[in-house]
């Protein structure tokens, strides 16, 4: 009689949590008051547990997790990452990849964590080893008030940050003013701007010409996410590098971006591409085309933040400071969460993700509501349009 596979997944459970931001984060699609995240625990036949996390901005993500992803996970072992991913897509989601990737990512992360714990190895050691010992972080700047933006930029500089990202895409006037304000404060340090698809092609051409003098590291997602041809044309007609984020949710998206020559930089997100392994494959596609990559932030708690550090540590072309909203979070759900010191994260050394759940904090922050991810409580009836102007 054959022995049961010790890495077989035998149980799954999850929590929906909302971690308030210290202040609502203002951007082109609303004012987000909290980071709503799905947390997952899997248990293996040998008793090892693994933990995962994903962004949860829309109501369908949790039902997909419970009704489709969990039953498929119970048919697999923790080392079946590729097989599990293909199984989920084969359950009908090859037609609707964006409907599956976020729920899929939480379990896939937990599989890696469990496997790393079983082997006693950190994830970076399973992915080819550490290419870098520290992971630089970009300071995130929100809102349109010049004084507050300047104060925030100075505060981050005092903490040792050397890369900065400012949200634009709220209005034509604030687009230029936000960049000018932050550039005056940070001097020649790296500065990037995120439009969140607010511009029409004409507005993009005019505004990028006005921003040319500010030597931006890149402008992120200037056009609507499906407009790869428009982004390719923007690259050809002006010198500001173009980065794509919302356009790069799936592995196929990344392949199409490279084929179209639509981006100078690609922002990856394991939650939006369907897992850590898919992120590694996407980075390799970009590396083969000489394109640097970095990581998008959606309010990562400790599990996902640790996963980001592992990824950035071992991917050679993740040479640009990763995004992080960590400074705005009011707390976490893990013991000893990753900390930014002098603008960088240190390499995690513990097995798997290298962080442990704090179940009391998870229980404290449990929720049944996804809090205004794309609206603004101060503007009833308002909603964003893409493109907006």
Protein backbone atom coordinates (compact mmCIF):
# COMPACT_ATOMS: atom_id res chain seq x y z
CA UNK A 1 0.00 0.00 0.00
CA UNK A 2 1.49 3.35 -1.06
CA UNK A 3 2.16 5.99 1.54
CA UNK A 4 0.12 9.21 1.32
CA UNK A 5 1.93 12.20 -0.15
CA UNK A 6 3.08 14.32 2.84
CA UNK A 7 2.62 17.50 0.75
CA UNK A 8 -0.97 16.72 -0.25
CA UNK A 9 -3.27 19.65 0.55
CA UNK A 10 -5.93 18.35 2.95
CA UNK A 11 -7.62 21.52 4.23
CA UNK A 12 -8.15 25.17 3.25
CA UNK A 13 -9.64 28.13 5.07
CA UNK A 14 -9.71 31.88 4.55
CA UNK A 15 -10.39 35.27 6.12
CA UNK A 16 -11.48 38.57 4.56
CA UNK A 17 -9.76 41.44 6.38
CA UNK A 18 -9.73 45.22 6.05
CA UNK A 19 -6.71 47.14 7.30
CA UNK A 20 -7.47 50.88 7.54
CA UNK A 21 -5.06 53.33 6.00
CA UNK A 22 -3.92 56.13 8.27
CA UNK A 23 -5.60 58.44 5.76
CA UNK A 24 -7.73 57.74 2.69
CA UNK A 25 -5.46 57.32 -0.34
CA UNK A 26 -6.56 59.74 -3.07
CA UNK A 27 -6.00 58.68 -6.66
CA UNK A 28 -7.66 58.93 -10.05
CA UNK A 29 -10.21 56.23 -9.25
CA UNK A 30 -11.37 57.40 -5.83
CA UNK A 31 -10.27 57.68 -2.20
CA UNK A 32 -9.47 54.27 -0.72
CA UNK A 33 -9.95 54.13 3.10
CA UNK A 34 -8.59 50.63 3.71
CA UNK A 35 -6.71 47.73 2.18
CA UNK A 36 -9.15 44.83 1.84
CA UNK A 37 -7.28 41.53 1.57
CA UNK A 38 -8.11 37.82 1.40
CA UNK A 39 -5.93 35.59 3.59
CA UNK A 40 -5.63 31.84 3.05
CA UNK A 41 -4.32 28.96 5.14
CA UNK A 42 -3.68 25.52 3.66
CA UNK A 43 -2.81 22.42 5.67
CA UNK A 44 -0.73 19.58 4.24
CA UNK A 45 -1.00 15.88 5.06
CA UNK A 46 2.19 16.16 7.15
CA UNK A 47 0.64 18.92 9.26
CA UNK A 48 2.63 21.79 7.76
CA UNK A 49 0.56 24.91 7.16
CA UNK A 50 1.12 27.56 4.52
CA UNK A 51 -0.26 31.09 4.26
CA UNK A 52 -1.16 33.28 1.33
CA UNK A 53 -2.71 36.67 0.68
CA UNK A 54 -4.31 38.49 -2.20
CA UNK A 55 -5.83 41.85 -2.99
CA UNK A 56 -9.65 41.85 -2.82
CA UNK A 57 -11.22 44.84 -4.54
CA UNK A 58 -14.35 43.28 -6.03
CA UNK A 59 -17.13 41.03 -4.75
CA UNK A 60 -16.55 38.06 -7.06
CA UNK A 61 -13.05 37.23 -5.78
CA UNK A 62 -14.08 35.48 -2.55
CA UNK A 63 -16.75 33.25 -4.19
CA UNK A 64 -14.27 32.19 -6.87
CA UNK A 65 -11.80 31.30 -4.11
CA UNK A 66 -14.29 29.22 -2.13
CA UNK A 67 -16.32 27.60 -4.91
CA UNK A 68 -13.62 26.89 -7.51
CA UNK A 69 -10.07 27.40 -6.21
CA UNK A 70 -10.33 25.53 -2.89
CA UNK A 71 -11.88 22.34 -4.35
CA UNK A 72 -9.18 22.23 -7.03
CA UNK A 73 -6.44 22.84 -4.46
CA UNK A 74 -7.60 19.81 -2.46
CA UNK A 75 -6.80 17.66 -5.49
CA UNK A 76 -3.15 18.75 -5.50
CA UNK A 77 0.08 18.75 -3.51
CA UNK A 78 1.97 21.85 -2.44
CA UNK A 79 4.60 21.23 -5.14
CA UNK A 80 1.97 21.15 -7.95
CA UNK A 81 2.12 24.91 -8.58
CA UNK A 82 2.14 24.77 -12.38
CA UNK A 83 -0.35 21.91 -12.56
CA UNK A 84 -2.69 23.61 -10.06
CA UNK A 85 -2.56 26.89 -11.99
CA UNK A 86 -3.36 25.19 -15.30
CA UNK A 87 -6.15 23.19 -13.60
CA UNK A 88 -7.84 26.41 -12.47
CA UNK A 89 -7.57 27.96 -15.92
CA UNK A 90 -8.84 24.72 -17.42
CA UNK A 91 -11.94 24.91 -15.24
CA UNK A 92 -13.28 27.55 -17.62
CA UNK A 93 -11.07 30.45 -16.64
CA UNK A 94 -8.92 30.27 -19.77
CA UNK A 95 -11.80 32.39 -21.17
CA UNK A 96 -11.87 34.71 -18.15
CA UNK A 97 -8.34 34.82 -16.72
CA UNK A 98 -8.81 38.15 -14.97
CA UNK A 99 -11.73 36.67 -13.03
CA UNK A 100 -9.51 33.95 -11.57
CA UNK A 101 -6.06 35.41 -11.02
CA UNK A 102 -6.61 37.17 -7.67
CA UNK A 103 -8.30 34.21 -5.96
CA UNK A 104 -5.78 31.82 -7.50
CA UNK A 105 -2.84 33.88 -6.24
CA UNK A 106 -3.71 33.51 -2.56
CA UNK A 107 -3.65 29.70 -2.65
CA UNK A 108 -0.60 29.57 -4.90
CA UNK A 109 1.30 31.75 -2.43
CA UNK A 110 0.25 29.45 0.42
CA UNK A 111 1.52 26.45 -1.56
CA UNK A 112 4.96 28.05 -1.91
CA UNK A 113 4.97 29.01 1.76
CA UNK A 114 4.08 25.48 2.83
CA UNK A 115 6.70 23.97 0.54
CA UNK A 116 9.37 26.34 1.86
CA UNK A 117 8.42 25.52 5.45
CA UNK A 118 8.55 21.79 4.66
CA UNK A 119 12.04 22.15 3.18
CA UNK A 120 13.24 24.67 5.77
CA UNK A 121 14.21 27.10 3.00
CA UNK A 122 13.22 30.73 2.23
CA UNK A 123 11.44 31.20 -1.08
CA UNK A 124 14.30 33.12 -2.68
CA UNK A 125 16.47 30.04 -2.18
CA UNK A 126 13.95 27.95 -4.16
CA UNK A 127 13.95 30.40 -7.08
CA UNK A 128 17.64 30.47 -7.98
CA UNK A 129 19.06 32.25 -4.95
CA UNK A 130 19.37 35.91 -3.96
CA UNK A 131 20.55 38.25 -6.70
CA UNK A 132 20.42 41.20 -4.27
CA UNK A 133 20.48 41.42 -0.48
CA UNK A 134 18.24 44.48 -0.13
CA UNK A 135 15.11 45.53 -2.02
CA UNK A 136 14.69 49.26 -2.61
CA UNK A 137 11.23 50.77 -2.08
CA UNK A 138 9.63 53.79 -3.75
CA UNK A 139 7.85 56.28 -1.50
CA UNK A 140 4.21 56.61 -2.57
CA UNK A 141 2.70 60.12 -2.69
CA UNK A 142 -1.05 60.71 -2.91
CA UNK A 143 -3.43 63.66 -3.23
CA UNK A 144 -3.32 67.04 -4.95
CA UNK A 145 -2.51 69.50 -2.15
CA UNK A 146 0.99 70.90 -2.89
CA UNK A 147 1.90 71.59 0.73
CA UNK A 148 0.94 68.11 1.89
CA UNK A 149 2.72 66.50 -1.04
CA UNK A 150 5.88 68.44 -0.29
CA UNK A 151 5.70 67.54 3.42
CA UNK A 152 5.21 63.86 2.61
CA UNK A 153 8.16 63.86 0.19
CA UNK A 154 10.40 65.48 2.81
CA UNK A 155 9.30 62.97 5.46
CA UNK A 156 10.15 60.04 3.19
CA UNK A 157 13.52 61.60 2.33
CA UNK A 158 14.28 61.94 6.04
CA UNK A 159 13.54 58.20 6.40
CA UNK A 160 16.13 57.35 3.75
CA UNK A 161 13.97 56.86 0.66
CA UNK A 162 15.68 57.60 -2.65
CA UNK A 163 12.86 56.74 -5.09
CA UNK A 164 9.47 58.45 -5.27
CA UNK A 165 6.15 57.83 -7.00
CA UNK A 166 3.44 60.46 -7.28
CA UNK A 167 -0.16 59.80 -8.28
CA UNK A 168 -1.48 62.02 -11.05
CA UNK A 169 -4.50 61.57 -13.33
CA UNK A 170 -6.92 63.59 -11.15
CA UNK A 171 -7.07 66.77 -13.27
CA UNK A 172 -4.97 68.51 -15.96
CA UNK A 173 -3.81 71.22 -13.55
CA UNK A 174 -2.84 68.88 -10.72
CA UNK A 175 -0.98 66.54 -13.08
CA UNK A 176 1.70 69.13 -13.75
CA UNK A 177 1.58 70.70 -10.29
CA UNK A 178 2.03 67.35 -8.48
CA UNK A 179 5.12 66.46 -10.48
CA UNK A 180 6.62 69.96 -10.16
CA UNK A 181 6.01 69.97 -6.39
CA UNK A 182 7.67 66.63 -5.74
CA UNK A 183 10.57 67.30 -8.13
CA UNK A 184 11.41 70.52 -6.26
CA UNK A 185 11.64 68.58 -3.00
CA UNK A 186 13.48 65.45 -4.14
CA UNK A 187 15.95 67.13 -6.47
CA UNK A 188 17.66 64.64 -8.76
CA UNK A 189 16.40 61.52 -6.97
CA UNK A 190 14.34 59.02 -8.99
CA UNK A 191 10.75 60.18 -9.59
CA UNK A 192 7.92 58.41 -11.41
CA UNK A 193 4.26 59.33 -11.98
CA UNK A 194 1.15 57.13 -12.22
CA UNK A 195 -1.80 58.25 -14.37
CA UNK A 196 -4.11 55.24 -13.82
CA UNK A 197 -5.42 55.42 -17.42
CA UNK A 198 -6.87 58.92 -17.04
CA UNK A 199 -5.57 60.41 -20.30
CA UNK A 200 -6.77 60.37 -23.88
CA UNK A 201 -4.00 59.94 -26.47
CA UNK A 202 -4.07 63.69 -27.22
CA UNK A 203 -3.84 64.64 -23.55
CA UNK A 204 -1.00 62.16 -23.12
CA UNK A 205 1.02 63.77 -25.92
CA UNK A 206 0.48 67.31 -24.61
CA UNK A 207 1.11 66.45 -20.95
CA UNK A 208 4.19 64.33 -21.57
CA UNK A 209 5.69 67.24 -23.49
CA UNK A 210 5.10 69.48 -20.46
CA UNK A 211 6.61 66.86 -18.14
CA UNK A 212 9.68 66.25 -20.28
CA UNK A 213 11.84 68.71 -18.32
CA UNK A 214 11.22 66.88 -15.04
CA UNK A 215 13.24 63.79 -16.09
CA UNK A 216 10.71 61.21 -14.92
CA UNK A 217 11.91 57.65 -14.46
CA UNK A 218 8.65 56.70 -16.22
CA UNK A 219 4.98 57.59 -16.59
CA UNK A 220 2.76 54.67 -15.63
CA UNK A 221 -0.39 53.61 -17.48
CA UNK A 222 -1.12 56.89 -19.28
CA UNK A 223 -3.82 55.40 -21.55
CA UNK A 224 -6.70 52.97 -21.16
CA UNK A 225 -5.47 49.48 -20.30
CA UNK A 226 -6.44 47.82 -23.61
CA UNK A 227 -4.70 50.43 -25.77
CA UNK A 228 -1.36 48.72 -26.38
CA UNK A 229 -1.02 50.32 -29.81
CA UNK A 230 -1.49 53.78 -28.27
CA UNK A 231 1.19 53.10 -25.68
CA UNK A 232 3.56 51.83 -28.38
CA UNK A 233 3.00 55.04 -30.35
CA UNK A 234 3.65 57.17 -27.24
CA UNK A 235 7.00 55.41 -26.82
CA UNK A 236 7.95 56.23 -30.39
CA UNK A 237 7.02 59.92 -30.38
CA UNK A 238 8.50 61.27 -27.12
CA UNK A 239 11.33 60.51 -24.65
CA UNK A 240 9.52 59.90 -21.32
CA UNK A 241 9.61 56.13 -20.65
CA UNK A 242 6.22 54.40 -20.59
CA UNK A 243 5.36 51.83 -17.91
CA UNK A 244 2.35 49.51 -17.97
CA UNK A 245 0.57 48.08 -14.94
CA UNK A 246 -3.17 47.52 -15.43
CA UNK A 247 -2.34 46.34 -18.96
CA UNK A 248 -0.11 43.58 -17.54
CA UNK A 249 -2.44 41.48 -15.38
CA UNK A 250 -1.86 38.09 -17.00
CA UNK A 251 1.06 36.23 -18.52
CA UNK A 252 -0.53 36.64 -21.95
CA UNK A 253 -0.85 40.39 -21.31
CA UNK A 254 2.89 40.62 -20.69
CA UNK A 255 3.63 38.65 -23.84
CA UNK A 256 1.43 41.00 -25.89
CA UNK A 257 3.10 44.09 -24.38
CA UNK A 258 6.51 42.79 -25.43
CA UNK A 259 5.28 41.83 -28.91
CA UNK A 260 3.74 45.27 -29.42
CA UNK A 261 6.74 47.18 -28.06
CA UNK A 262 4.25 48.97 -25.78
CA UNK A 263 6.35 49.55 -22.64
CA UNK A 264 9.79 50.55 -21.41
CA UNK A 265 8.96 49.19 -17.93
CA UNK A 266 6.41 46.60 -16.79
CA UNK A 267 4.85 46.60 -13.32
CA UNK A 268 4.03 43.08 -12.20
CA UNK A 269 1.73 41.99 -9.39
CA UNK A 270 1.53 38.35 -8.26
CA UNK A 271 -2.10 38.83 -7.21
CA UNK A 272 -3.11 40.13 -10.61
CA UNK A 273 -1.18 37.59 -12.66
CA UNK A 274 -2.21 34.52 -10.69
CA UNK A 275 0.74 33.80 -8.43
CA UNK A 276 4.42 34.03 -7.62
CA UNK A 277 5.49 31.52 -10.27
CA UNK A 278 3.55 33.38 -12.96
CA UNK A 279 5.34 36.57 -11.85
CA UNK A 280 8.72 34.89 -12.25
CA UNK A 281 7.76 33.71 -15.75
CA UNK A 282 6.51 37.18 -16.72
CA UNK A 283 9.73 38.77 -15.50
CA UNK A 284 11.68 36.32 -17.66
CA UNK A 285 9.66 37.32 -20.73
CA UNK A 286 10.53 40.95 -20.05
CA UNK A 287 14.17 40.12 -19.32
CA UNK A 288 14.50 38.41 -22.69
CA UNK A 289 13.40 41.69 -24.33
CA UNK A 290 15.71 43.83 -22.17
CA UNK A 291 12.79 45.35 -20.23
CA UNK A 292 13.13 46.08 -16.49
CA UNK A 293 10.27 45.21 -14.19
CA UNK A 294 9.06 46.29 -10.77
CA UNK A 295 6.09 45.50 -8.49
CA UNK A 296 2.73 47.25 -8.17
CA UNK A 297 1.35 47.89 -4.68
CA UNK A 298 -2.23 47.49 -3.49
CA UNK A 299 -1.74 47.73 0.27
CA UNK A 300 0.14 44.47 0.90
CA UNK A 301 -0.02 43.03 4.40
CA UNK A 302 2.78 40.94 5.83
CA UNK A 303 2.37 37.76 3.77
CA UNK A 304 2.28 39.53 0.42
CA UNK A 305 4.91 42.08 1.40
CA UNK A 306 7.27 39.28 2.29
CA UNK A 307 6.48 37.55 -1.01
CA UNK A 308 7.35 40.78 -2.84
CA UNK A 309 10.74 40.91 -1.16
CA UNK A 310 11.51 37.30 -2.10
CA UNK A 311 10.58 38.01 -5.73
CA UNK A 312 12.57 41.23 -5.97
CA UNK A 313 15.58 39.60 -4.32
CA UNK A 314 15.96 36.89 -6.95
CA UNK A 315 14.80 38.53 -10.24
CA UNK A 316 17.77 40.23 -11.95
CA UNK A 317 15.69 42.63 -14.05
CA UNK A 318 13.61 43.79 -11.08
CA UNK A 319 16.13 46.63 -10.97
CA UNK A 320 13.67 49.44 -10.21
CA UNK A 321 12.49 50.22 -6.66
CA UNK A 322 9.26 48.36 -5.90
CA UNK A 323 6.04 50.16 -5.00
CA UNK A 324 4.77 49.90 -1.43
CA UNK A 325 1.87 51.50 0.44
CA UNK A 326 3.18 50.04 3.71
CA UNK A 327 3.83 53.43 5.28
CA UNK A 328 0.10 54.23 5.12
CA UNK A 329 -1.17 51.02 6.75
CA UNK A 330 -2.40 51.31 10.34
CA UNK A 331 -1.27 47.79 11.22
CA UNK A 332 -0.68 44.24 10.03
CA UNK A 333 -1.84 40.65 10.58
CA UNK A 334 1.57 38.98 11.03
CA UNK A 335 4.06 38.93 13.85
CA UNK A 336 7.16 40.98 13.09
CA UNK A 337 6.09 42.28 9.66
CA UNK A 338 8.71 43.38 7.11
CA UNK A 339 10.07 46.86 7.86
CA UNK A 340 11.53 49.49 5.57
CA UNK A 341 14.89 50.78 6.80
CA UNK A 342 16.67 53.54 4.90
CA UNK A 343 14.31 53.06 1.98
CA UNK A 344 14.79 49.30 1.59
CA UNK A 345 13.63 45.89 2.81
CA UNK A 346 16.14 43.35 4.07
CA UNK A 347 16.12 39.79 2.73
CA UNK A 348 13.81 37.43 4.72
CA UNK A 349 15.74 34.50 6.15
CA UNK A 350 13.00 32.31 7.65
CA UNK A 351 11.52 29.30 5.83
CA UNK A 352 8.80 29.90 3.25
CA UNK A 353 7.59 33.48 3.29
CA UNK A 354 9.42 34.02 6.57
CA UNK A 355 6.49 35.54 8.50
CA UNK A 356 4.00 34.10 11.00
CA UNK A 357 0.27 34.87 11.29
CA UNK A 358 -1.10 36.69 14.31
CA UNK A 359 -4.56 35.18 14.62
CA UNK A 360 -5.72 37.74 17.17
CA UNK A 361 -4.99 40.54 14.69
CA UNK A 362 -6.60 38.61 11.84
CA UNK A 363 -9.76 38.21 13.91
CA UNK A 364 -9.71 41.89 14.93
CA UNK A 365 -9.60 43.05 11.31
CA UNK A 366 -12.05 40.58 9.79
CA UNK A 367 -14.75 42.15 7.65
CA UNK A 368 -17.65 41.25 5.37
CA UNK A 369 -17.45 44.48 3.37
CA UNK A 370 -15.06 45.63 0.65
CA UNK A 371 -14.54 49.29 1.54
CA UNK A 372 -14.95 51.76 -1.35
CA UNK A 373 -12.07 50.53 -3.50
CA UNK A 374 -13.08 52.65 -6.48
CA UNK A 375 -15.36 55.40 -5.14
CA UNK A 376 -15.07 58.45 -2.88
CA UNK A 377 -17.25 58.89 0.24
CA UNK A 378 -16.84 62.67 0.01
CA UNK A 379 -18.36 62.77 -3.50
CA UNK A 380 -21.66 60.83 -3.52
CA UNK A 381 -22.60 59.76 -7.02
CA UNK A 382 -19.13 60.35 -8.41
CA UNK A 383 -17.28 57.62 -10.29
CA UNK A 384 -14.16 57.61 -12.42
CA UNK A 385 -14.15 57.22 -16.18
CA UNK A 386 -11.27 55.87 -18.27
CA UNK A 387 -10.04 57.96 -19.98
CA UNK A 388 -11.22 60.98 -18.00
CA UNK A 389 -9.77 63.88 -20.03
